[in-house]
């Protein structure tokens, strides 16, 4: 069953909204990492055990890597949908 141009256009719009959300989530993720790294430094300065806090930083970074991979997939889907919706146009 073929998908109509209107459905493809709606898919494109949805993916573009998802890309904006992904960008926001990634920026917020970087901010969480910076905040946690600040906490680790504060704990270190106070002579506290920082192993769990450092583990959290590592987990946040691993999560962010996955978010960035997902963002790339969204971009690829947008490029594909643009070619479907806007064939023959520059960049499409």
Protein backbone atom coordinates (compact mmCIF):
# COMPACT_ATOMS: atom_id res chain seq x y z
CA UNK A 1 0.00 0.00 0.00
CA UNK A 2 1.47 3.33 -1.08
CA UNK A 3 1.71 6.18 1.39
CA UNK A 4 0.20 9.46 0.26
CA UNK A 5 2.12 12.70 -0.04
CA UNK A 6 0.04 14.12 2.82
CA UNK A 7 1.02 11.20 5.07
CA UNK A 8 4.70 11.56 4.13
CA UNK A 9 4.50 15.30 4.81
CA UNK A 10 2.98 14.62 8.23
CA UNK A 11 5.73 12.08 8.94
CA UNK A 12 8.32 14.69 7.95
CA UNK A 13 6.75 17.27 10.25
CA UNK A 14 6.69 14.77 13.10
CA UNK A 15 10.35 13.87 12.60
CA UNK A 16 11.31 17.56 12.51
CA UNK A 17 9.54 18.06 15.86
CA UNK A 18 11.37 15.02 17.21
CA UNK A 19 14.67 16.52 16.07
CA UNK A 20 13.96 19.75 17.98
CA UNK A 21 13.09 17.68 21.07
CA UNK A 22 16.23 15.57 20.67
CA UNK A 23 18.36 18.73 20.47
CA UNK A 24 16.76 20.05 23.66
CA UNK A 25 17.19 16.73 25.46
CA UNK A 26 20.85 16.53 24.45
CA UNK A 27 21.56 20.07 25.65
CA UNK A 28 19.81 19.32 28.94
CA UNK A 29 21.83 16.11 29.19
CA UNK A 30 25.08 18.03 28.81
CA UNK A 31 23.90 20.41 31.53
CA UNK A 32 23.17 17.48 33.85
CA UNK A 33 26.66 16.14 33.22
CA UNK A 34 28.23 19.52 34.00
CA UNK A 35 26.18 19.77 37.19
CA UNK A 36 27.17 16.29 38.29
CA UNK A 37 30.84 16.95 37.53
CA UNK A 38 30.59 20.06 39.73
CA UNK A 39 29.17 17.89 42.52
CA UNK A 40 32.01 15.40 42.12
CA UNK A 41 34.54 18.22 42.48
CA UNK A 42 32.74 19.50 45.58
CA UNK A 43 32.74 16.03 47.11
CA UNK A 44 36.43 15.59 46.33
CA UNK A 45 37.24 18.95 47.87
CA UNK A 46 35.37 17.86 50.99
CA UNK A 47 37.30 14.60 51.18
CA UNK A 48 34.25 12.45 50.43
CA UNK A 49 34.09 9.19 48.51
CA UNK A 50 33.18 10.11 44.93
CA UNK A 51 32.94 6.66 43.35
CA UNK A 52 29.14 6.63 43.04
CA UNK A 53 29.01 10.23 41.85
CA UNK A 54 31.67 9.49 39.22
CA UNK A 55 29.76 6.38 38.15
CA UNK A 56 26.70 8.55 37.63
CA UNK A 57 28.72 10.89 35.38
CA UNK A 58 29.83 7.90 33.31
CA UNK A 59 26.25 6.62 33.02
CA UNK A 60 25.00 10.06 32.01
CA UNK A 61 27.67 10.24 29.31
CA UNK A 62 26.78 6.77 28.01
CA UNK A 63 23.13 7.78 27.87
CA UNK A 64 24.01 10.95 26.00
CA UNK A 65 25.95 8.96 23.41
CA UNK A 66 22.80 6.92 22.76
CA UNK A 67 20.68 10.07 22.53
CA UNK A 68 23.13 11.50 19.97
CA UNK A 69 22.96 8.27 17.95
CA UNK A 70 19.18 8.48 18.00
CA UNK A 71 19.40 12.10 16.83
CA UNK A 72 21.44 10.97 13.81
CA UNK A 73 18.73 8.43 12.97
CA UNK A 74 16.11 11.18 13.12
CA UNK A 75 18.22 13.32 10.78
CA UNK A 76 18.55 10.42 8.35
CA UNK A 77 14.81 9.83 8.42
CA UNK A 78 14.21 13.55 7.74
CA UNK A 79 16.53 13.44 4.73
CA UNK A 80 14.73 10.37 3.40
CA UNK A 81 11.29 11.92 3.88
CA UNK A 82 12.39 15.19 2.27
CA UNK A 83 13.41 13.23 -0.83
CA UNK A 84 9.97 11.62 -0.84
CA UNK A 85 8.08 14.89 -0.27
CA UNK A 86 10.26 17.28 -2.27
CA UNK A 87 11.71 15.26 -5.17
CA UNK A 88 13.87 17.24 -7.53
CA UNK A 89 14.30 20.22 -5.21
CA UNK A 90 17.81 21.26 -4.12
CA UNK A 91 18.80 19.22 -1.09
CA UNK A 92 15.84 16.93 -1.70
